[in-house]
Amino acid sequence: MKFLMSIAVCSFVEMTCTPWVHYPKSFDSWNLCMREAYKESLIIIEKIDVDTIEKNRLATKFACNPLNGA
């Protein structure tokens, strides 16, 4: 089964999230998708100003959804 990764950035102050970003690459397993989502989440968070992260209590959330027909 193949999986597609999606990531959003969420504020735990506002209790809102950005729209999901859907990545075009598929993964051959849940494990590979999840591991890549953690790596990509760190890349995303490192691009955001620390004060903004602290003020808004930002974090990422991700999903690895099964690719239909795969």
N, C-alpha and C. Protein backbone atom coordinates (compact mmCIF):
# COMPACT_ATOMS: atom_id res chain seq x y z
N MET A 1 0.84 -1.17 0.00
CA MET A 1 0.00 0.00 0.00
C MET A 1 0.89 1.24 0.00
N LYS A 2 0.48 2.26 -0.73
CA LYS A 2 1.21 3.52 -0.79
C LYS A 2 0.47 4.59 0.02
N PHE A 3 1.23 5.57 0.50
CA PHE A 3 0.68 6.63 1.33
C PHE A 3 1.10 8.00 0.81
N LEU A 4 0.22 8.98 0.98
CA LEU A 4 0.51 10.37 0.65
C LEU A 4 0.58 11.18 1.93
N MET A 5 1.56 12.08 2.00
CA MET A 5 1.81 12.88 3.19
C MET A 5 1.19 14.27 3.03
N SER A 6 0.56 14.73 4.11
CA SER A 6 0.02 16.09 4.18
C SER A 6 0.43 16.69 5.51
N ILE A 7 0.76 18.00 5.49
CA ILE A 7 1.20 18.68 6.71
C ILE A 7 0.50 20.04 6.82
N ALA A 8 0.13 20.41 8.04
CA ALA A 8 -0.42 21.73 8.33
C ALA A 8 0.32 22.30 9.54
N VAL A 9 0.36 23.63 9.65
CA VAL A 9 0.93 24.31 10.81
C VAL A 9 -0.24 24.84 11.62
N CYS A 10 -0.22 24.55 12.93
CA CYS A 10 -1.34 24.90 13.80
C CYS A 10 -0.91 25.80 14.95
N SER A 11 -1.82 26.68 15.34
CA SER A 11 -1.62 27.52 16.51
C SER A 11 -2.44 26.95 17.66
N PHE A 12 -1.76 26.66 18.76
CA PHE A 12 -2.45 26.16 19.93
C PHE A 12 -2.97 27.29 20.81
N VAL A 13 -2.78 28.53 20.37
CA VAL A 13 -3.39 29.70 21.01
C VAL A 13 -4.73 29.96 20.33
N GLU A 14 -4.71 30.07 19.02
CA GLU A 14 -5.92 30.37 18.24
C GLU A 14 -6.76 29.13 17.96
N MET A 15 -6.16 27.95 18.13
CA MET A 15 -6.83 26.68 17.81
C MET A 15 -7.26 26.64 16.34
N THR A 16 -6.32 27.08 15.47
CA THR A 16 -6.54 27.06 14.03
C THR A 16 -5.31 26.46 13.36
N CYS A 17 -5.50 26.04 12.12
CA CYS A 17 -4.40 25.48 11.33
C CYS A 17 -4.41 26.09 9.94
N THR A 18 -3.24 26.10 9.33
CA THR A 18 -3.15 26.49 7.93
C THR A 18 -3.82 25.40 7.09
N PRO A 19 -4.12 25.70 5.83
CA PRO A 19 -4.61 24.63 4.95
C PRO A 19 -3.53 23.54 4.82
N TRP A 20 -3.98 22.33 4.64
CA TRP A 20 -3.06 21.22 4.44
C TRP A 20 -2.19 21.43 3.21
N VAL A 21 -0.93 21.10 3.31
CA VAL A 21 -0.04 21.04 2.15
C VAL A 21 0.08 19.56 1.81
N HIS A 22 -0.32 19.21 0.59
CA HIS A 22 -0.29 17.81 0.14
C HIS A 22 0.96 17.61 -0.71
N TYR A 23 1.78 16.70 -0.31
CA TYR A 23 3.04 16.43 -1.00
C TYR A 23 2.80 15.42 -2.13
N PRO A 24 3.41 15.64 -3.29
CA PRO A 24 3.14 14.78 -4.45
C PRO A 24 3.81 13.40 -4.38
N LYS A 25 4.85 13.27 -3.59
CA LYS A 25 5.57 12.00 -3.52
C LYS A 25 4.77 10.98 -2.71
N SER A 26 4.68 9.76 -3.22
CA SER A 26 4.04 8.69 -2.45
C SER A 26 5.10 7.87 -1.74
N PHE A 27 4.68 7.22 -0.65
CA PHE A 27 5.59 6.41 0.16
C PHE A 27 5.10 4.97 0.16
N ASP A 28 6.04 4.05 0.19
CA ASP A 28 5.71 2.63 0.12
C ASP A 28 5.19 2.04 1.42
N SER A 29 5.28 2.81 2.52
CA SER A 29 4.78 2.31 3.80
C SER A 29 4.40 3.47 4.70
N TRP A 30 3.56 3.16 5.69
CA TRP A 30 3.20 4.14 6.70
C TRP A 30 4.46 4.63 7.41
N ASN A 31 5.36 3.72 7.74
CA ASN A 31 6.58 4.04 8.45
C ASN A 31 7.41 5.08 7.70
N LEU A 32 7.62 4.87 6.42
CA LEU A 32 8.42 5.82 5.63
C LEU A 32 7.73 7.18 5.53
N CYS A 33 6.42 7.18 5.35
CA CYS A 33 5.67 8.43 5.27
C CYS A 33 5.77 9.21 6.58
N MET A 34 5.54 8.52 7.69
CA MET A 34 5.57 9.16 8.99
C MET A 34 6.95 9.74 9.30
N ARG A 35 7.99 8.98 9.00
CA ARG A 35 9.34 9.47 9.25
C ARG A 35 9.65 10.72 8.42
N GLU A 36 9.23 10.72 7.18
CA GLU A 36 9.45 11.89 6.31
C GLU A 36 8.63 13.08 6.80
N ALA A 37 7.43 12.83 7.31
CA ALA A 37 6.59 13.92 7.83
C ALA A 37 7.25 14.59 9.04
N TYR A 38 7.87 13.80 9.91
CA TYR A 38 8.59 14.40 11.03
C TYR A 38 9.77 15.25 10.54
N LYS A 39 10.51 14.74 9.58
CA LYS A 39 11.64 15.50 9.03
C LYS A 39 11.17 16.80 8.38
N GLU A 40 10.12 16.71 7.57
CA GLU A 40 9.60 17.89 6.88
C GLU A 40 9.01 18.88 7.88
N SER A 41 8.39 18.38 8.92
CA SER A 41 7.85 19.26 9.97
C SER A 41 8.95 20.09 10.61
N LEU A 42 10.08 19.48 10.87
CA LEU A 42 11.20 20.21 11.45
C LEU A 42 11.71 21.28 10.49
N ILE A 43 11.79 20.96 9.22
CA ILE A 43 12.21 21.95 8.21
C ILE A 43 11.26 23.14 8.21
N ILE A 44 9.96 22.85 8.25
CA ILE A 44 8.95 23.92 8.25
C ILE A 44 9.10 24.79 9.49
N ILE A 45 9.18 24.17 10.65
CA ILE A 45 9.27 24.92 11.91
C ILE A 45 10.55 25.74 11.98
N GLU A 46 11.64 25.21 11.46
CA GLU A 46 12.91 25.95 11.50
C GLU A 46 12.89 27.20 10.62
N LYS A 47 11.97 27.30 9.69
CA LYS A 47 11.84 28.47 8.83
C LYS A 47 11.02 29.59 9.47
N ILE A 48 10.37 29.29 10.59
CA ILE A 48 9.50 30.27 11.26
C ILE A 48 10.27 30.91 12.40
N ASP A 49 10.11 32.21 12.55
CA ASP A 49 10.75 32.98 13.61
C ASP A 49 10.38 32.40 14.98
N VAL A 50 11.37 32.25 15.85
CA VAL A 50 11.16 31.66 17.17
C VAL A 50 10.11 32.42 17.97
N ASP A 51 10.12 33.74 17.90
CA ASP A 51 9.13 34.54 18.64
C ASP A 51 7.71 34.24 18.16
N THR A 52 7.56 34.04 16.86
CA THR A 52 6.24 33.70 16.30
C THR A 52 5.79 32.33 16.79
N ILE A 53 6.72 31.39 16.84
CA ILE A 53 6.39 30.05 17.34
C ILE A 53 5.95 30.14 18.80
N GLU A 54 6.70 30.88 19.61
CA GLU A 54 6.37 31.00 21.03
C GLU A 54 5.05 31.74 21.24
N LYS A 55 4.89 32.86 20.56
CA LYS A 55 3.68 33.68 20.73
C LYS A 55 2.42 32.91 20.36
N ASN A 56 2.48 32.17 19.28
CA ASN A 56 1.30 31.46 18.76
C ASN A 56 1.26 29.99 19.12
N ARG A 57 2.32 29.54 19.82
CA ARG A 57 2.44 28.12 20.19
C ARG A 57 2.20 27.23 18.96
N LEU A 58 3.05 27.44 17.97
CA LEU A 58 2.91 26.72 16.71
C LEU A 58 3.47 25.31 16.78
N ALA A 59 2.84 24.44 16.06
CA ALA A 59 3.30 23.07 15.88
C ALA A 59 2.73 22.56 14.56
N THR A 60 3.32 21.51 14.06
CA THR A 60 2.77 20.91 12.85
C THR A 60 1.90 19.72 13.21
N LYS A 61 1.00 19.41 12.31
CA LYS A 61 0.30 18.14 12.38
C LYS A 61 0.39 17.54 10.99
N PHE A 62 0.40 16.22 10.93
CA PHE A 62 0.53 15.58 9.63
C PHE A 62 -0.37 14.38 9.52
N ALA A 63 -0.59 13.98 8.29
CA ALA A 63 -1.36 12.78 8.00
C ALA A 63 -0.66 12.01 6.90
N CYS A 64 -0.72 10.70 6.99
CA CYS A 64 -0.25 9.81 5.94
C CYS A 64 -1.45 8.98 5.51
N ASN A 65 -2.05 9.38 4.42
CA ASN A 65 -3.28 8.77 3.96
C ASN A 65 -3.01 7.74 2.87
N PRO A 66 -3.74 6.61 2.92
CA PRO A 66 -3.56 5.59 1.88
C PRO A 66 -3.92 6.16 0.50
N LEU A 67 -3.14 5.83 -0.46
CA LEU A 67 -3.38 6.26 -1.83
C LEU A 67 -4.35 5.26 -2.46
N ASN A 68 -5.48 5.76 -2.88
CA ASN A 68 -6.50 4.88 -3.48
C ASN A 68 -5.99 4.23 -4.74
N GLY A 69 -6.24 2.95 -4.86
CA GLY A 69 -5.85 2.23 -6.05
C GLY A 69 -4.41 1.76 -6.07
N ALA A 70 -3.67 1.98 -4.99
CA ALA A 70 -2.26 1.58 -4.98
C ALA A 70 -2.03 0.41 -4.06
